[in-house]
């Protein structure tokens, strides 16, 4: 639904692409960020990182303070598909790896987030995709089995995990591919 990429922000902080790459692979790594998605508050997670890399304190703190700058807008084609699903009465549920403290800001980006019947936010549950427990929570909250759900995600690891559990899946790598995938399942 949204384009999220830390480079959108950090290329402003580190105009040198090499320095930006180093920072994102050695300091503020995806493994570090996943702890936010797992429910560790951003300020708490930043403290030990700042202690190890004090010269990067401002850049580390930017992850929380300027999180919105990592979002490069919504994906209009996806929002259009969601509107069409809603018009057909198809219930939609969300399962997102997301820091709880940033979820309200992300929700405010589009009224389409209000089309979800429910959203499982990883930080609220303390578990992230591709852990099977995240999918089990989504099934319990939706009242549906994996075989009744169509899971869309941009992560191959998440798609593989959902597929192993029996979900119908679609790897989102291009907005143009979503509608045909849903049509093939009779949802549109």
N, C-alpha and C. Protein backbone atom coordinates (compact mmCIF):
# COMPACT_ATOMS: atom_id res chain seq x y z
N UNK A 1 0.81 -1.20 0.00
CA UNK A 1 0.00 0.00 0.00
C UNK A 1 0.85 1.26 0.00
N UNK A 2 1.99 1.17 0.67
CA UNK A 2 2.91 2.31 0.70
C UNK A 2 4.30 1.86 0.25
N UNK A 3 5.04 2.81 -0.25
CA UNK A 3 6.45 2.55 -0.60
C UNK A 3 7.28 2.98 0.60
N UNK A 4 7.92 2.00 1.25
CA UNK A 4 8.76 2.31 2.41
C UNK A 4 10.18 1.91 2.08
N UNK A 5 11.09 2.86 2.23
CA UNK A 5 12.49 2.58 1.94
C UNK A 5 13.35 3.54 2.76
N UNK A 6 14.15 3.01 3.69
CA UNK A 6 15.00 3.89 4.50
C UNK A 6 15.93 4.77 3.66
N UNK A 7 16.30 4.32 2.47
CA UNK A 7 17.18 5.13 1.62
C UNK A 7 16.54 6.45 1.21
N UNK A 8 15.22 6.49 1.17
CA UNK A 8 14.52 7.73 0.83
C UNK A 8 14.92 8.83 1.80
N UNK A 9 15.04 8.49 3.07
CA UNK A 9 15.49 9.44 4.08
C UNK A 9 17.01 9.55 4.11
N UNK A 10 17.68 8.41 4.19
CA UNK A 10 19.12 8.44 4.48
C UNK A 10 19.97 8.92 3.31
N UNK A 11 19.44 8.92 2.11
CA UNK A 11 20.19 9.53 1.01
C UNK A 11 20.25 11.05 1.16
N UNK A 12 19.32 11.62 1.93
CA UNK A 12 19.37 13.06 2.24
C UNK A 12 20.42 13.32 3.32
N UNK A 13 20.52 12.42 4.26
CA UNK A 13 21.47 12.59 5.37
C UNK A 13 22.90 12.29 4.91
N UNK A 14 23.02 11.25 4.06
CA UNK A 14 24.32 10.84 3.53
C UNK A 14 24.27 10.91 2.01
N UNK A 15 24.59 12.08 1.43
CA UNK A 15 24.54 12.21 -0.04
C UNK A 15 25.49 11.25 -0.77
N UNK A 16 26.57 10.84 -0.12
CA UNK A 16 27.49 9.87 -0.71
C UNK A 16 26.84 8.49 -0.63
N UNK A 17 26.51 7.86 -1.78
CA UNK A 17 25.85 6.56 -1.77
C UNK A 17 26.60 5.49 -0.99
N UNK A 18 27.91 5.52 -1.04
CA UNK A 18 28.71 4.54 -0.29
C UNK A 18 28.52 4.68 1.21
N UNK A 19 28.52 5.92 1.69
CA UNK A 19 28.33 6.15 3.12
C UNK A 19 26.91 5.77 3.54
N UNK A 20 25.95 6.07 2.69
CA UNK A 20 24.56 5.69 2.97
C UNK A 20 24.46 4.17 3.07
N UNK A 21 25.04 3.46 2.11
CA UNK A 21 25.02 1.99 2.14
C UNK A 21 25.66 1.45 3.41
N UNK A 22 26.82 1.98 3.76
CA UNK A 22 27.51 1.53 4.98
C UNK A 22 26.63 1.73 6.21
N UNK A 23 26.03 2.91 6.31
CA UNK A 23 25.19 3.20 7.48
C UNK A 23 24.03 2.20 7.57
N UNK A 24 23.39 1.93 6.44
CA UNK A 24 22.21 1.05 6.45
C UNK A 24 22.56 -0.44 6.54
N UNK A 25 23.80 -0.80 6.25
CA UNK A 25 24.18 -2.21 6.37
C UNK A 25 24.99 -2.50 7.64
N UNK A 26 25.55 -1.44 8.26
CA UNK A 26 26.40 -1.66 9.43
C UNK A 26 25.87 -1.01 10.71
N UNK A 27 25.02 -0.01 10.60
CA UNK A 27 24.54 0.69 11.79
C UNK A 27 23.03 0.45 11.94
N UNK A 28 22.22 1.17 11.22
CA UNK A 28 20.77 0.98 11.27
C UNK A 28 20.39 -0.10 10.25
N UNK A 29 20.57 -1.33 10.66
CA UNK A 29 20.34 -2.48 9.78
C UNK A 29 18.87 -2.89 9.81
N UNK A 30 18.47 -3.72 8.88
CA UNK A 30 17.10 -4.23 8.90
C UNK A 30 16.88 -5.13 10.11
N UNK A 31 17.89 -5.86 10.54
CA UNK A 31 17.75 -6.69 11.74
C UNK A 31 17.47 -5.80 12.96
N UNK A 32 18.15 -4.66 13.04
CA UNK A 32 17.90 -3.70 14.12
C UNK A 32 16.47 -3.17 14.03
N UNK A 33 16.05 -2.78 12.84
CA UNK A 33 14.70 -2.23 12.67
C UNK A 33 13.63 -3.27 12.98
N UNK A 34 13.89 -4.52 12.66
CA UNK A 34 12.90 -5.56 12.93
C UNK A 34 12.52 -5.61 14.40
N UNK A 35 13.43 -5.20 15.27
CA UNK A 35 13.09 -5.15 16.69
C UNK A 35 12.00 -4.11 16.96
N UNK A 36 11.95 -3.01 16.20
CA UNK A 36 10.85 -2.05 16.31
C UNK A 36 9.55 -2.75 15.91
N UNK A 37 9.63 -3.49 14.80
CA UNK A 37 8.44 -4.20 14.32
C UNK A 37 7.98 -5.26 15.33
N UNK A 38 8.92 -5.76 16.12
CA UNK A 38 8.60 -6.78 17.12
C UNK A 38 8.03 -6.15 18.41
N UNK A 39 8.11 -4.82 18.52
CA UNK A 39 7.50 -4.14 19.65
C UNK A 39 8.46 -3.40 20.56
N UNK A 40 9.76 -3.44 20.27
CA UNK A 40 10.71 -2.69 21.08
C UNK A 40 10.56 -1.20 20.73
N UNK A 41 10.28 -0.35 21.71
CA UNK A 41 10.13 1.08 21.40
C UNK A 41 11.38 1.63 20.71
N UNK A 42 11.16 2.51 19.77
CA UNK A 42 12.25 3.03 18.96
C UNK A 42 13.32 3.71 19.80
N UNK A 43 12.94 4.52 20.75
CA UNK A 43 13.93 5.22 21.58
C UNK A 43 14.77 4.23 22.38
N UNK A 44 14.12 3.21 22.90
CA UNK A 44 14.84 2.19 23.67
C UNK A 44 15.80 1.41 22.78
N UNK A 45 15.39 1.11 21.58
CA UNK A 45 16.23 0.36 20.64
C UNK A 45 17.39 1.21 20.14
N UNK A 46 17.21 2.52 20.09
CA UNK A 46 18.27 3.41 19.61
C UNK A 46 19.40 3.56 20.62
N UNK A 47 19.10 3.51 21.90
CA UNK A 47 20.10 3.80 22.93
C UNK A 47 21.37 2.96 22.83
N UNK A 48 21.29 1.62 22.76
CA UNK A 48 22.53 0.86 22.66
C UNK A 48 23.27 1.10 21.34
N UNK A 49 22.53 1.40 20.28
CA UNK A 49 23.16 1.67 18.99
C UNK A 49 23.94 3.00 19.05
N UNK A 50 23.36 3.98 19.70
CA UNK A 50 24.04 5.27 19.86
C UNK A 50 25.28 5.10 20.73
N UNK A 51 25.20 4.25 21.75
CA UNK A 51 26.37 4.01 22.61
C UNK A 51 27.52 3.39 21.81
N UNK A 52 27.19 2.53 20.83
CA UNK A 52 28.22 1.90 19.99
C UNK A 52 28.70 2.82 18.87
N UNK A 53 27.84 3.73 18.42
CA UNK A 53 28.16 4.61 17.28
C UNK A 53 27.80 6.06 17.62
N UNK A 54 28.44 6.65 18.63
CA UNK A 54 28.04 8.01 19.05
C UNK A 54 28.16 9.06 17.96
N UNK A 55 29.07 8.87 17.02
CA UNK A 55 29.24 9.84 15.93
C UNK A 55 28.05 9.83 14.96
N UNK A 56 27.21 8.80 15.05
CA UNK A 56 26.01 8.71 14.21
C UNK A 56 24.73 9.00 14.99
N UNK A 57 24.85 9.60 16.16
CA UNK A 57 23.67 9.78 17.01
C UNK A 57 22.51 10.45 16.27
N UNK A 58 22.76 11.56 15.61
CA UNK A 58 21.68 12.27 14.91
C UNK A 58 21.05 11.40 13.83
N UNK A 59 21.87 10.69 13.09
CA UNK A 59 21.34 9.84 12.02
C UNK A 59 20.53 8.68 12.60
N UNK A 60 20.97 8.12 13.70
CA UNK A 60 20.21 7.03 14.34
C UNK A 60 18.88 7.56 14.85
N UNK A 61 18.90 8.70 15.50
CA UNK A 61 17.65 9.28 16.02
C UNK A 61 16.69 9.68 14.89
N UNK A 62 17.23 9.94 13.71
CA UNK A 62 16.38 10.30 12.56
C UNK A 62 15.44 9.15 12.19
N UNK A 63 15.83 7.93 12.49
CA UNK A 63 14.98 6.78 12.15
C UNK A 63 13.59 6.95 12.77
N UNK A 64 13.56 7.39 14.01
CA UNK A 64 12.28 7.63 14.67
C UNK A 64 11.72 9.01 14.32
N UNK A 65 12.55 10.03 14.44
CA UNK A 65 12.08 11.41 14.28
C UNK A 65 11.62 11.72 12.86
N UNK A 66 12.24 11.08 11.87
CA UNK A 66 11.93 11.39 10.47
C UNK A 66 11.42 10.15 9.73
N UNK A 67 10.80 9.23 10.45
CA UNK A 67 10.30 7.98 9.88
C UNK A 67 9.41 8.24 8.67
N UNK A 68 8.61 9.29 8.75
CA UNK A 68 7.70 9.61 7.65
C UNK A 68 8.44 9.87 6.34
N UNK A 69 9.70 10.31 6.43
CA UNK A 69 10.47 10.57 5.21
C UNK A 69 10.97 9.28 4.54
N UNK A 70 10.80 8.15 5.20
CA UNK A 70 11.13 6.86 4.58
C UNK A 70 9.98 6.35 3.73
N UNK A 71 8.85 7.00 3.84
CA UNK A 71 7.68 6.60 3.07
C UNK A 71 7.57 7.51 1.86
N UNK A 72 7.63 6.87 0.70
CA UNK A 72 7.59 7.62 -0.55
C UNK A 72 6.20 7.53 -1.17
N UNK A 73 5.20 7.73 -0.33
CA UNK A 73 3.82 7.78 -0.80
C UNK A 73 3.12 6.44 -0.85
N UNK A 74 1.85 6.53 -1.19
CA UNK A 74 1.02 5.34 -1.35
C UNK A 74 1.14 4.84 -2.79
N UNK A 75 0.71 3.62 -3.02
CA UNK A 75 0.74 3.03 -4.36
C UNK A 75 -0.68 3.11 -4.92
N UNK A 76 -0.94 4.08 -5.79
CA UNK A 76 -2.32 4.34 -6.25
C UNK A 76 -3.02 3.11 -6.84
N UNK A 77 -2.29 2.30 -7.62
CA UNK A 77 -2.92 1.13 -8.22
C UNK A 77 -3.42 0.15 -7.16
N UNK A 78 -2.67 0.01 -6.09
CA UNK A 78 -3.07 -0.88 -5.01
C UNK A 78 -4.32 -0.34 -4.31
N UNK A 79 -4.35 0.96 -4.08
CA UNK A 79 -5.51 1.56 -3.44
C UNK A 79 -6.75 1.41 -4.31
N UNK A 80 -6.58 1.51 -5.62
CA UNK A 80 -7.71 1.32 -6.54
C UNK A 80 -8.24 -0.11 -6.46
N UNK A 81 -7.35 -1.07 -6.40
CA UNK A 81 -7.76 -2.48 -6.28
C UNK A 81 -8.50 -2.69 -4.96
N UNK A 82 -8.00 -2.07 -3.89
CA UNK A 82 -8.68 -2.20 -2.60
C UNK A 82 -10.09 -1.63 -2.67
N UNK A 83 -10.23 -0.50 -3.34
CA UNK A 83 -11.56 0.09 -3.50
C UNK A 83 -12.49 -0.84 -4.26
N UNK A 84 -11.98 -1.49 -5.28
CA UNK A 84 -12.79 -2.44 -6.05
C UNK A 84 -13.17 -3.66 -5.22
N UNK A 85 -12.23 -4.16 -4.43
CA UNK A 85 -12.53 -5.30 -3.55
C UNK A 85 -13.62 -4.90 -2.55
N UNK A 86 -13.48 -3.73 -1.97
CA UNK A 86 -14.46 -3.24 -1.00
C UNK A 86 -15.84 -3.12 -1.65
N UNK A 87 -15.88 -2.58 -2.86
CA UNK A 87 -17.16 -2.41 -3.57
C UNK A 87 -17.83 -3.76 -3.83
N UNK A 88 -17.03 -4.81 -3.98
CA UNK A 88 -17.58 -6.16 -4.20
C UNK A 88 -17.92 -6.86 -2.89
N UNK A 89 -17.64 -6.21 -1.77
CA UNK A 89 -17.97 -6.80 -0.48
C UNK A 89 -16.94 -7.80 0.03
N UNK A 90 -15.75 -7.77 -0.55
CA UNK A 90 -14.69 -8.68 -0.12
C UNK A 90 -14.06 -8.13 1.16
N UNK A 91 -14.09 -8.92 2.21
CA UNK A 91 -13.48 -8.49 3.47
C UNK A 91 -11.96 -8.49 3.31
N UNK A 92 -11.33 -7.45 3.83
CA UNK A 92 -9.87 -7.34 3.75
C UNK A 92 -9.31 -7.21 5.16
N UNK A 93 -8.22 -7.93 5.37
CA UNK A 93 -7.53 -7.92 6.67
C UNK A 93 -6.08 -7.58 6.40
N UNK A 94 -5.48 -6.85 7.30
CA UNK A 94 -4.08 -6.48 7.17
C UNK A 94 -3.21 -7.24 8.16
N UNK A 95 -2.00 -7.53 7.73
CA UNK A 95 -0.98 -8.12 8.58
C UNK A 95 0.31 -7.40 8.24
N UNK A 96 0.77 -6.54 9.15
CA UNK A 96 1.90 -5.69 8.83
C UNK A 96 2.99 -5.79 9.87
N UNK A 97 4.23 -5.83 9.39
CA UNK A 97 5.38 -5.65 10.26
C UNK A 97 5.57 -4.14 10.37
N UNK A 98 5.28 -3.62 11.56
CA UNK A 98 5.25 -2.16 11.72
C UNK A 98 5.48 -1.80 13.18
N UNK A 99 6.29 -0.76 13.44
CA UNK A 99 6.39 -0.27 14.81
C UNK A 99 5.04 0.31 15.25
N UNK A 100 4.58 -0.08 16.41
CA UNK A 100 3.27 0.39 16.89
C UNK A 100 3.20 1.90 16.93
N UNK A 101 4.30 2.55 17.30
CA UNK A 101 4.26 4.00 17.46
C UNK A 101 4.16 4.73 16.12
N UNK A 102 4.40 4.03 15.01
CA UNK A 102 4.31 4.67 13.69
C UNK A 102 3.05 4.28 12.92
N UNK A 103 2.32 3.28 13.41
CA UNK A 103 1.13 2.81 12.70
C UNK A 103 0.08 3.92 12.52
N UNK A 104 -0.24 4.74 13.53
CA UNK A 104 -1.23 5.80 13.28
C UNK A 104 -0.82 6.77 12.17
N UNK A 105 0.46 7.10 12.09
CA UNK A 105 0.94 8.00 11.04
C UNK A 105 0.76 7.35 9.66
N UNK A 106 1.07 6.07 9.57
CA UNK A 106 0.92 5.37 8.29
C UNK A 106 -0.56 5.27 7.91
N UNK A 107 -1.41 4.96 8.86
CA UNK A 107 -2.85 4.87 8.60
C UNK A 107 -3.39 6.19 8.04
N UNK A 108 -2.86 7.29 8.51
CA UNK A 108 -3.35 8.59 8.09
C UNK A 108 -3.00 8.94 6.64
N UNK A 109 -2.13 8.14 6.01
CA UNK A 109 -1.72 8.42 4.64
C UNK A 109 -2.84 8.23 3.62
N UNK A 110 -3.81 7.38 3.95
CA UNK A 110 -4.88 7.12 3.00
C UNK A 110 -6.13 6.60 3.71
N UNK A 111 -7.31 7.04 3.28
CA UNK A 111 -8.54 6.49 3.84
C UNK A 111 -8.70 5.00 3.51
N UNK A 112 -7.94 4.50 2.54
CA UNK A 112 -8.04 3.08 2.17
C UNK A 112 -7.69 2.17 3.34
N UNK A 113 -6.86 2.63 4.28
CA UNK A 113 -6.54 1.80 5.43
C UNK A 113 -7.80 1.50 6.24
N UNK A 114 -8.79 2.38 6.16
CA UNK A 114 -10.06 2.17 6.85
C UNK A 114 -10.91 1.08 6.23
N UNK A 115 -10.53 0.59 5.05
CA UNK A 115 -11.28 -0.48 4.39
C UNK A 115 -10.99 -1.86 5.00
N UNK A 116 -9.92 -1.95 5.77
CA UNK A 116 -9.60 -3.23 6.41
C UNK A 116 -10.61 -3.51 7.53
N UNK A 117 -11.06 -4.75 7.59
CA UNK A 117 -11.91 -5.17 8.70
C UNK A 117 -11.12 -5.21 10.00
N UNK A 118 -9.84 -5.53 9.88
CA UNK A 118 -8.94 -5.58 11.03
C UNK A 118 -7.52 -5.56 10.50
N UNK A 119 -6.59 -5.08 11.32
CA UNK A 119 -5.18 -5.09 10.97
C UNK A 119 -4.39 -5.62 12.16
N UNK A 120 -3.59 -6.64 11.90
CA UNK A 120 -2.67 -7.17 12.90
C UNK A 120 -1.36 -6.42 12.71
N UNK A 121 -0.97 -5.66 13.73
CA UNK A 121 0.27 -4.89 13.72
C UNK A 121 1.29 -5.67 14.54
N UNK A 122 2.38 -6.04 13.91
CA UNK A 122 3.37 -6.92 14.54
C UNK A 122 3.82 -6.43 15.91
N UNK A 123 4.09 -5.16 16.04
CA UNK A 123 4.61 -4.63 17.31
C UNK A 123 3.60 -4.80 18.44
N UNK A 124 2.32 -4.73 18.12
CA UNK A 124 1.29 -4.93 19.15
C UNK A 124 1.23 -6.39 19.60
N UNK A 125 1.63 -7.29 18.71
CA UNK A 125 1.56 -8.73 19.00
C UNK A 125 2.88 -9.31 19.47
N UNK A 126 3.98 -8.59 19.22
CA UNK A 126 5.30 -9.07 19.63
C UNK A 126 5.84 -10.18 18.75
N UNK A 127 5.37 -10.24 17.53
CA UNK A 127 5.82 -11.27 16.59
C UNK A 127 5.77 -10.70 15.18
N UNK A 128 6.79 -11.02 14.37
CA UNK A 128 6.87 -10.48 13.01
C UNK A 128 6.78 -11.59 11.97
N UNK A 129 6.25 -11.23 10.81
CA UNK A 129 6.32 -12.14 9.66
C UNK A 129 7.80 -12.33 9.34
N UNK A 130 8.24 -13.48 8.96
CA UNK A 130 7.51 -14.67 8.55
C UNK A 130 7.24 -15.70 9.65
N UNK A 131 7.32 -15.34 10.90
CA UNK A 131 7.03 -16.28 11.98
C UNK A 131 5.59 -16.79 11.81
N UNK A 132 5.40 -18.10 11.80
CA UNK A 132 4.04 -18.64 11.63
C UNK A 132 3.04 -18.11 12.65
N UNK A 133 3.50 -17.73 13.83
CA UNK A 133 2.57 -17.19 14.84
C UNK A 133 1.88 -15.93 14.35
N UNK A 134 2.56 -15.10 13.54
CA UNK A 134 1.92 -13.89 13.01
C UNK A 134 0.72 -14.27 12.12
N UNK A 135 0.90 -15.29 11.31
CA UNK A 135 -0.18 -15.74 10.43
C UNK A 135 -1.31 -16.40 11.23
N UNK A 136 -0.95 -17.12 12.28
CA UNK A 136 -1.96 -17.74 13.14
C UNK A 136 -2.81 -16.67 13.82
N UNK A 137 -2.18 -15.59 14.26
CA UNK A 137 -2.92 -14.48 14.87
C UNK A 137 -3.87 -13.87 13.85
N UNK A 138 -3.39 -13.67 12.63
CA UNK A 138 -4.24 -13.10 11.57
C UNK A 138 -5.45 -14.00 11.30
N UNK A 139 -5.22 -15.30 11.25
CA UNK A 139 -6.33 -16.23 11.03
C UNK A 139 -7.34 -16.16 12.18
N UNK A 140 -6.83 -16.18 13.40
CA UNK A 140 -7.72 -16.13 14.57
C UNK A 140 -8.54 -14.84 14.57
N UNK A 141 -7.90 -13.73 14.27
CA UNK A 141 -8.61 -12.45 14.30
C UNK A 141 -9.61 -12.33 13.15
N UNK A 142 -9.32 -12.94 12.01
CA UNK A 142 -10.26 -12.87 10.88
C UNK A 142 -11.35 -13.93 10.99
N UNK A 143 -11.10 -14.96 11.80
CA UNK A 143 -12.06 -16.06 11.91
C UNK A 143 -12.03 -16.98 10.70
N UNK A 144 -10.91 -16.93 9.94
CA UNK A 144 -10.80 -17.73 8.72
C UNK A 144 -9.56 -18.62 8.78
N UNK A 145 -9.61 -19.67 8.00
CA UNK A 145 -8.47 -20.56 7.88
C UNK A 145 -7.54 -20.03 6.78
N UNK A 146 -6.29 -20.48 6.76
CA UNK A 146 -5.39 -20.05 5.68
C UNK A 146 -5.97 -20.31 4.29
N UNK A 147 -6.66 -21.42 4.10
CA UNK A 147 -7.20 -21.76 2.78
C UNK A 147 -8.31 -20.80 2.33
N UNK A 148 -8.82 -20.00 3.27
CA UNK A 148 -9.87 -19.03 2.93
C UNK A 148 -9.31 -17.63 2.70
N UNK A 149 -8.00 -17.49 2.86
CA UNK A 149 -7.39 -16.17 2.77
C UNK A 149 -6.40 -16.07 1.62
N UNK A 150 -6.32 -14.90 1.02
CA UNK A 150 -5.39 -14.61 -0.06
C UNK A 150 -4.39 -13.61 0.49
N UNK A 151 -3.14 -14.03 0.61
CA UNK A 151 -2.11 -13.22 1.25
C UNK A 151 -1.24 -12.56 0.20
N UNK A 152 -1.08 -11.24 0.30
CA UNK A 152 -0.26 -10.45 -0.62
C UNK A 152 0.86 -9.81 0.20
N UNK A 153 2.10 -9.93 -0.28
CA UNK A 153 3.22 -9.35 0.44
C UNK A 153 4.35 -9.13 -0.56
N UNK A 154 5.25 -8.20 -0.21
CA UNK A 154 6.39 -7.93 -1.09
C UNK A 154 7.65 -8.66 -0.65
N UNK A 155 7.56 -9.50 0.35
CA UNK A 155 8.71 -10.24 0.85
C UNK A 155 8.61 -11.71 0.45
N UNK A 156 9.57 -12.21 -0.31
CA UNK A 156 9.55 -13.64 -0.64
C UNK A 156 9.52 -14.56 0.59
N UNK A 157 10.22 -14.17 1.65
CA UNK A 157 10.22 -15.00 2.87
C UNK A 157 8.82 -15.07 3.49
N UNK A 158 8.11 -13.95 3.48
CA UNK A 158 6.75 -13.94 4.03
C UNK A 158 5.80 -14.74 3.15
N UNK A 159 5.97 -14.62 1.85
CA UNK A 159 5.13 -15.39 0.92
C UNK A 159 5.36 -16.88 1.11
N UNK A 160 6.62 -17.28 1.22
CA UNK A 160 6.95 -18.69 1.41
C UNK A 160 6.34 -19.23 2.70
N UNK A 161 6.45 -18.47 3.78
CA UNK A 161 5.89 -18.90 5.06
C UNK A 161 4.37 -19.05 4.98
N UNK A 162 3.70 -18.08 4.36
CA UNK A 162 2.25 -18.14 4.23
C UNK A 162 1.83 -19.31 3.35
N UNK A 163 2.55 -19.52 2.27
CA UNK A 163 2.25 -20.63 1.37
C UNK A 163 2.37 -21.98 2.09
N UNK A 164 3.44 -22.13 2.89
CA UNK A 164 3.62 -23.37 3.65
C UNK A 164 2.46 -23.62 4.61
N UNK A 165 1.83 -22.54 5.06
CA UNK A 165 0.70 -22.68 6.00
C UNK A 165 -0.63 -22.91 5.29
N UNK A 166 -0.64 -22.81 3.97
CA UNK A 166 -1.86 -23.08 3.22
C UNK A 166 -2.60 -21.87 2.69
N UNK A 167 -2.01 -20.70 2.81
CA UNK A 167 -2.63 -19.50 2.25
C UNK A 167 -2.48 -19.51 0.73
N UNK A 168 -3.43 -18.90 0.04
CA UNK A 168 -3.21 -18.52 -1.35
C UNK A 168 -2.34 -17.28 -1.27
N UNK A 169 -1.35 -17.17 -2.14
CA UNK A 169 -0.37 -16.08 -2.00
C UNK A 169 -0.11 -15.38 -3.33
N UNK A 170 0.34 -14.15 -3.20
CA UNK A 170 0.80 -13.37 -4.36
C UNK A 170 1.98 -12.52 -3.92
N UNK A 171 3.11 -12.70 -4.57
CA UNK A 171 4.28 -11.86 -4.31
C UNK A 171 4.09 -10.54 -5.03
N UNK A 172 3.97 -9.48 -4.26
CA UNK A 172 3.75 -8.15 -4.82
C UNK A 172 5.10 -7.56 -5.21
N UNK A 173 5.37 -7.57 -6.50
CA UNK A 173 6.61 -6.95 -6.98
C UNK A 173 6.33 -5.88 -8.02
N UNK A 174 5.05 -5.75 -8.39
CA UNK A 174 4.65 -4.75 -9.38
C UNK A 174 3.14 -4.53 -9.21
N UNK A 175 2.70 -3.29 -9.05
CA UNK A 175 1.27 -3.05 -8.85
C UNK A 175 0.39 -3.63 -9.96
N UNK A 176 0.90 -3.69 -11.17
CA UNK A 176 0.09 -4.19 -12.30
C UNK A 176 -0.25 -5.66 -12.15
N UNK A 177 0.51 -6.41 -11.39
CA UNK A 177 0.25 -7.84 -11.25
C UNK A 177 -0.80 -8.20 -10.21
N UNK A 178 -1.18 -7.26 -9.36
CA UNK A 178 -2.11 -7.57 -8.27
C UNK A 178 -3.51 -7.89 -8.78
N UNK A 179 -4.05 -7.04 -9.63
CA UNK A 179 -5.41 -7.25 -10.11
C UNK A 179 -5.58 -8.60 -10.80
N UNK A 180 -4.70 -8.98 -11.75
CA UNK A 180 -4.86 -10.30 -12.37
C UNK A 180 -4.76 -11.45 -11.37
N UNK A 181 -3.92 -11.30 -10.36
CA UNK A 181 -3.80 -12.36 -9.34
C UNK A 181 -5.11 -12.52 -8.58
N UNK A 182 -5.74 -11.41 -8.23
CA UNK A 182 -7.01 -11.47 -7.52
C UNK A 182 -8.12 -11.98 -8.43
N UNK A 183 -8.08 -11.58 -9.70
CA UNK A 183 -9.07 -12.07 -10.66
C UNK A 183 -8.97 -13.59 -10.83
N UNK A 184 -7.74 -14.10 -10.82
CA UNK A 184 -7.55 -15.55 -10.99
C UNK A 184 -8.16 -16.34 -9.83
N UNK A 185 -8.36 -15.72 -8.69
CA UNK A 185 -8.97 -16.38 -7.53
C UNK A 185 -10.46 -16.04 -7.44
N UNK A 186 -10.98 -15.28 -8.42
CA UNK A 186 -12.39 -14.93 -8.41
C UNK A 186 -12.77 -13.84 -7.42
N UNK A 187 -11.77 -13.12 -6.94
CA UNK A 187 -12.05 -12.06 -5.98
C UNK A 187 -12.42 -10.74 -6.65
N UNK A 188 -12.01 -10.57 -7.88
CA UNK A 188 -12.37 -9.38 -8.67
C UNK A 188 -12.95 -9.83 -10.00
